[in-house]
Amino acid sequence: MLWGLVHLALHLPGRPNDGLPGVPTVFQLIGLSVLITWFFIQGGKSVVLTSLFHAAQSFFVIVNDGITLSQQVWLMAAVWSAAAVMVVIASRSMQGSARQKLG
């Protein structure tokens, strides 16, 4: 929750996301929360791994230089949300197959 509030502050006047829609930011933060939590757990609770992932996602702003900032926010929201859904599905599938082996 605190992480979301810190990032939503980027929408204040004079900040990098000033004037951008807040809805894609919320979806982006939810997707990133799922992914960063997954990296943290799968990486043996490594803060370094999650920090590297955060830095990598911040780099995408540079890579997406050819589109408007508004398009970037929506694109990142779609990508991170889709990736989060895939991680959840894959994790459940792996848990299900592990349970079958135990049973």
N, C-alpha and C. Protein backbone atom coordinates (compact mmCIF):
# COMPACT_ATOMS: atom_id res chain seq x y z
N MET A 1 0.83 -1.19 0.00
CA MET A 1 0.00 0.00 0.00
C MET A 1 0.87 1.25 0.00
N LEU A 2 1.88 1.27 0.86
CA LEU A 2 2.78 2.42 0.92
C LEU A 2 3.51 2.61 -0.42
N TRP A 3 3.91 1.48 -1.03
CA TRP A 3 4.60 1.53 -2.31
C TRP A 3 3.72 2.21 -3.35
N GLY A 4 2.43 1.89 -3.36
CA GLY A 4 1.50 2.51 -4.30
C GLY A 4 1.37 4.00 -4.07
N LEU A 5 1.29 4.41 -2.81
CA LEU A 5 1.17 5.83 -2.50
C LEU A 5 2.41 6.61 -2.93
N VAL A 6 3.57 6.01 -2.73
CA VAL A 6 4.82 6.67 -3.14
C VAL A 6 4.84 6.87 -4.65
N HIS A 7 4.43 5.84 -5.39
CA HIS A 7 4.45 5.94 -6.85
C HIS A 7 3.33 6.83 -7.39
N LEU A 8 2.20 6.85 -6.72
CA LEU A 8 1.12 7.73 -7.17
C LEU A 8 1.49 9.20 -6.97
N ALA A 9 2.43 9.47 -6.07
CA ALA A 9 2.90 10.85 -5.88
C ALA A 9 3.59 11.38 -7.14
N LEU A 10 3.98 10.49 -8.03
CA LEU A 10 4.59 10.92 -9.30
C LEU A 10 3.59 11.66 -10.19
N HIS A 11 2.30 11.61 -9.84
CA HIS A 11 1.26 12.29 -10.61
C HIS A 11 1.01 13.72 -10.13
N LEU A 12 1.70 14.14 -9.09
CA LEU A 12 1.52 15.50 -8.58
C LEU A 12 2.07 16.51 -9.59
N PRO A 13 1.57 17.74 -9.54
CA PRO A 13 2.05 18.77 -10.47
C PRO A 13 3.57 18.94 -10.43
N GLY A 14 4.15 18.98 -11.61
CA GLY A 14 5.60 19.14 -11.73
C GLY A 14 6.39 17.85 -11.65
N ARG A 15 5.71 16.74 -11.39
CA ARG A 15 6.37 15.43 -11.29
C ARG A 15 6.33 14.75 -12.66
N PRO A 16 7.10 13.66 -12.88
CA PRO A 16 7.19 13.04 -14.20
C PRO A 16 5.86 12.59 -14.82
N ASN A 17 4.91 12.15 -14.01
CA ASN A 17 3.63 11.65 -14.55
C ASN A 17 2.51 12.67 -14.45
N ASP A 18 2.84 13.92 -14.24
CA ASP A 18 1.85 15.00 -14.14
C ASP A 18 0.99 15.03 -15.40
N GLY A 19 -0.32 14.94 -15.22
CA GLY A 19 -1.26 15.00 -16.33
C GLY A 19 -1.58 13.66 -16.97
N LEU A 20 -0.89 12.61 -16.57
CA LEU A 20 -1.16 11.29 -17.13
C LEU A 20 -2.32 10.65 -16.38
N PRO A 21 -3.06 9.75 -17.05
CA PRO A 21 -4.17 9.09 -16.37
C PRO A 21 -3.66 8.19 -15.23
N GLY A 22 -4.39 8.15 -14.14
CA GLY A 22 -3.99 7.36 -12.98
C GLY A 22 -4.36 5.89 -13.09
N VAL A 23 -5.38 5.58 -13.88
CA VAL A 23 -5.86 4.19 -13.98
C VAL A 23 -4.76 3.24 -14.47
N PRO A 24 -4.05 3.55 -15.55
CA PRO A 24 -3.00 2.60 -15.96
C PRO A 24 -1.88 2.48 -14.93
N THR A 25 -1.64 3.53 -14.19
CA THR A 25 -0.62 3.47 -13.13
C THR A 25 -1.03 2.46 -12.07
N VAL A 26 -2.30 2.45 -11.71
CA VAL A 26 -2.80 1.48 -10.72
C VAL A 26 -2.62 0.06 -11.24
N PHE A 27 -3.00 -0.19 -12.51
CA PHE A 27 -2.83 -1.54 -13.08
C PHE A 27 -1.35 -1.91 -13.17
N GLN A 28 -0.53 -0.95 -13.53
CA GLN A 28 0.91 -1.19 -13.61
C GLN A 28 1.47 -1.56 -12.24
N LEU A 29 1.06 -0.84 -11.20
CA LEU A 29 1.55 -1.12 -9.85
C LEU A 29 1.08 -2.46 -9.33
N ILE A 30 -0.16 -2.83 -9.66
CA ILE A 30 -0.66 -4.15 -9.23
C ILE A 30 0.14 -5.25 -9.91
N GLY A 31 0.33 -5.13 -11.22
CA GLY A 31 1.12 -6.12 -11.95
C GLY A 31 2.54 -6.22 -11.43
N LEU A 32 3.16 -5.07 -11.22
CA LEU A 32 4.52 -5.06 -10.70
C LEU A 32 4.60 -5.62 -9.28
N SER A 33 3.59 -5.37 -8.47
CA SER A 33 3.57 -5.92 -7.11
C SER A 33 3.58 -7.44 -7.14
N VAL A 34 2.77 -8.01 -8.02
CA VAL A 34 2.72 -9.47 -8.15
C VAL A 34 4.08 -9.99 -8.61
N LEU A 35 4.65 -9.36 -9.63
CA LEU A 35 5.93 -9.82 -10.17
C LEU A 35 7.08 -9.65 -9.18
N ILE A 36 7.14 -8.52 -8.52
CA ILE A 36 8.22 -8.30 -7.56
C ILE A 36 8.10 -9.25 -6.37
N THR A 37 6.86 -9.52 -5.94
CA THR A 37 6.66 -10.49 -4.86
C THR A 37 7.11 -11.88 -5.31
N TRP A 38 6.78 -12.25 -6.55
CA TRP A 38 7.18 -13.55 -7.08
C TRP A 38 8.71 -13.65 -7.15
N PHE A 39 9.36 -12.60 -7.67
CA PHE A 39 10.83 -12.58 -7.72
C PHE A 39 11.43 -12.69 -6.32
N PHE A 40 10.84 -12.00 -5.36
CA PHE A 40 11.33 -12.02 -3.99
C PHE A 40 11.25 -13.43 -3.40
N ILE A 41 10.11 -14.08 -3.58
CA ILE A 41 9.92 -15.43 -3.03
C ILE A 41 10.78 -16.45 -3.77
N GLN A 42 10.72 -16.44 -5.10
CA GLN A 42 11.47 -17.41 -5.90
C GLN A 42 12.98 -17.18 -5.82
N GLY A 43 13.38 -15.95 -5.55
CA GLY A 43 14.80 -15.61 -5.46
C GLY A 43 15.38 -15.79 -4.06
N GLY A 44 14.68 -16.53 -3.22
CA GLY A 44 15.18 -16.76 -1.86
C GLY A 44 15.13 -15.51 -1.00
N LYS A 45 14.09 -14.70 -1.21
CA LYS A 45 13.88 -13.45 -0.46
C LYS A 45 15.02 -12.45 -0.69
N SER A 46 15.50 -12.42 -1.93
CA SER A 46 16.59 -11.53 -2.30
C SER A 46 16.08 -10.14 -2.65
N VAL A 47 16.48 -9.16 -1.87
CA VAL A 47 16.13 -7.77 -2.16
C VAL A 47 16.93 -7.28 -3.37
N VAL A 48 18.13 -7.82 -3.55
CA VAL A 48 18.96 -7.44 -4.70
C VAL A 48 18.25 -7.79 -6.00
N LEU A 49 17.70 -8.99 -6.09
CA LEU A 49 17.00 -9.42 -7.30
C LEU A 49 15.79 -8.53 -7.58
N THR A 50 15.02 -8.22 -6.56
CA THR A 50 13.85 -7.36 -6.77
C THR A 50 14.28 -5.94 -7.14
N SER A 51 15.37 -5.47 -6.59
CA SER A 51 15.87 -4.14 -6.95
C SER A 51 16.34 -4.10 -8.40
N LEU A 52 17.00 -5.16 -8.84
CA LEU A 52 17.42 -5.24 -10.24
C LEU A 52 16.21 -5.26 -11.18
N PHE A 53 15.16 -5.97 -10.79
CA PHE A 53 13.94 -6.00 -11.60
C PHE A 53 13.32 -4.61 -11.67
N HIS A 54 13.26 -3.92 -10.55
CA HIS A 54 12.71 -2.56 -10.54
C HIS A 54 13.53 -1.64 -11.45
N ALA A 55 14.85 -1.75 -11.39
CA ALA A 55 15.71 -0.94 -12.25
C ALA A 55 15.48 -1.27 -13.72
N ALA A 56 15.31 -2.56 -14.02
CA ALA A 56 15.07 -2.97 -15.41
C ALA A 56 13.76 -2.40 -15.92
N GLN A 57 12.71 -2.43 -15.11
CA GLN A 57 11.43 -1.91 -15.57
C GLN A 57 11.49 -0.40 -15.73
N SER A 58 12.29 0.27 -14.92
CA SER A 58 12.46 1.71 -15.06
C SER A 58 13.18 2.04 -16.37
N PHE A 59 14.03 1.14 -16.83
CA PHE A 59 14.76 1.32 -18.09
C PHE A 59 13.82 1.32 -19.29
N PHE A 60 12.66 0.66 -19.18
CA PHE A 60 11.72 0.59 -20.31
C PHE A 60 11.24 1.98 -20.73
N VAL A 61 11.27 2.94 -19.85
CA VAL A 61 10.88 4.31 -20.21
C VAL A 61 11.81 4.83 -21.30
N ILE A 62 13.09 4.50 -21.21
CA ILE A 62 14.06 4.91 -22.22
C ILE A 62 13.83 4.15 -23.52
N VAL A 63 13.55 2.86 -23.43
CA VAL A 63 13.34 2.02 -24.60
C VAL A 63 12.10 2.46 -25.38
N ASN A 64 11.08 2.93 -24.67
CA ASN A 64 9.81 3.33 -25.30
C ASN A 64 9.82 4.78 -25.75
N ASP A 65 10.97 5.31 -26.07
CA ASP A 65 11.11 6.73 -26.40
C ASP A 65 10.31 7.16 -27.63
N GLY A 66 9.95 6.25 -28.52
CA GLY A 66 9.26 6.61 -29.75
C GLY A 66 7.77 6.83 -29.61
N ILE A 67 7.20 6.58 -28.43
CA ILE A 67 5.76 6.77 -28.23
C ILE A 67 5.53 7.81 -27.13
N THR A 68 4.30 8.32 -27.09
CA THR A 68 4.00 9.36 -26.09
C THR A 68 4.03 8.76 -24.68
N LEU A 69 4.18 9.61 -23.70
CA LEU A 69 4.22 9.17 -22.31
C LEU A 69 2.90 8.50 -21.91
N SER A 70 1.79 9.02 -22.41
CA SER A 70 0.49 8.41 -22.12
C SER A 70 0.41 7.00 -22.70
N GLN A 71 0.92 6.81 -23.91
CA GLN A 71 0.93 5.48 -24.51
C GLN A 71 1.86 4.54 -23.74
N GLN A 72 2.99 5.08 -23.27
CA GLN A 72 3.93 4.27 -22.49
C GLN A 72 3.27 3.72 -21.23
N VAL A 73 2.52 4.58 -20.54
CA VAL A 73 1.88 4.16 -19.28
C VAL A 73 0.88 3.04 -19.55
N TRP A 74 0.07 3.18 -20.59
CA TRP A 74 -0.90 2.14 -20.93
C TRP A 74 -0.20 0.86 -21.38
N LEU A 75 0.86 0.99 -22.18
CA LEU A 75 1.61 -0.19 -22.63
C LEU A 75 2.22 -0.93 -21.45
N MET A 76 2.85 -0.19 -20.55
CA MET A 76 3.47 -0.83 -19.39
C MET A 76 2.42 -1.48 -18.49
N ALA A 77 1.26 -0.85 -18.36
CA ALA A 77 0.18 -1.44 -17.56
C ALA A 77 -0.25 -2.76 -18.17
N ALA A 78 -0.40 -2.79 -19.50
CA ALA A 78 -0.82 -4.03 -20.18
C ALA A 78 0.25 -5.11 -20.05
N VAL A 79 1.50 -4.75 -20.27
CA VAL A 79 2.59 -5.74 -20.22
C VAL A 79 2.75 -6.31 -18.82
N TRP A 80 2.80 -5.45 -17.80
CA TRP A 80 3.01 -5.95 -16.44
C TRP A 80 1.80 -6.71 -15.93
N SER A 81 0.60 -6.30 -16.31
CA SER A 81 -0.60 -7.04 -15.90
C SER A 81 -0.63 -8.41 -16.55
N ALA A 82 -0.31 -8.48 -17.85
CA ALA A 82 -0.29 -9.77 -18.55
C ALA A 82 0.79 -10.68 -17.96
N ALA A 83 1.96 -10.12 -17.69
CA ALA A 83 3.04 -10.92 -17.10
C ALA A 83 2.65 -11.44 -15.72
N ALA A 84 1.96 -10.61 -14.93
CA ALA A 84 1.52 -11.04 -13.60
C ALA A 84 0.51 -12.18 -13.71
N VAL A 85 -0.42 -12.08 -14.65
CA VAL A 85 -1.40 -13.15 -14.84
C VAL A 85 -0.69 -14.44 -15.25
N MET A 86 0.29 -14.34 -16.14
CA MET A 86 1.02 -15.54 -16.57
C MET A 86 1.80 -16.17 -15.42
N VAL A 87 2.40 -15.35 -14.57
CA VAL A 87 3.15 -15.87 -13.41
C VAL A 87 2.20 -16.58 -12.45
N VAL A 88 1.04 -15.99 -12.20
CA VAL A 88 0.06 -16.62 -11.30
C VAL A 88 -0.40 -17.95 -11.87
N ILE A 89 -0.72 -18.00 -13.16
CA ILE A 89 -1.17 -19.24 -13.79
C ILE A 89 -0.06 -20.29 -13.75
N ALA A 90 1.16 -19.90 -14.11
CA ALA A 90 2.28 -20.84 -14.11
C ALA A 90 2.57 -21.35 -12.70
N SER A 91 2.50 -20.47 -11.71
CA SER A 91 2.76 -20.88 -10.33
C SER A 91 1.71 -21.87 -9.84
N ARG A 92 0.47 -21.60 -10.17
CA ARG A 92 -0.60 -22.54 -9.76
C ARG A 92 -0.45 -23.87 -10.46
N SER A 93 -0.04 -23.84 -11.72
CA SER A 93 0.17 -25.07 -12.47
C SER A 93 1.30 -25.89 -11.85
N MET A 94 2.38 -25.20 -11.47
CA MET A 94 3.51 -25.90 -10.83
C MET A 94 3.11 -26.46 -9.48
N GLN A 95 2.30 -25.73 -8.72
CA GLN A 95 1.84 -26.22 -7.42
C GLN A 95 0.95 -27.43 -7.60
N GLY A 96 0.10 -27.40 -8.61
CA GLY A 96 -0.80 -28.52 -8.88
C GLY A 96 -0.03 -29.77 -9.25
N SER A 97 0.99 -29.64 -10.10
CA SER A 97 1.77 -30.82 -10.50
C SER A 97 2.60 -31.34 -9.33
N ALA A 98 3.06 -30.45 -8.45
CA ALA A 98 3.82 -30.88 -7.27
C ALA A 98 2.91 -31.66 -6.32
N ARG A 99 1.66 -31.21 -6.18
CA ARG A 99 0.71 -31.92 -5.31
C ARG A 99 0.39 -33.30 -5.87
N GLN A 100 0.27 -33.42 -7.20
CA GLN A 100 -0.01 -34.72 -7.80
C GLN A 100 1.13 -35.69 -7.55
N LYS A 101 2.36 -35.21 -7.59
CA LYS A 101 3.51 -36.08 -7.34
C LYS A 101 3.53 -36.56 -5.89
N LEU A 102 3.09 -35.69 -4.97
CA LEU A 102 3.06 -36.06 -3.56
C LEU A 102 1.91 -37.03 -3.26
N GLY A 103 0.82 -36.89 -4.00
CA GLY A 103 -0.39 -37.68 -3.72
C GLY A 103 -0.33 -39.00 -4.32
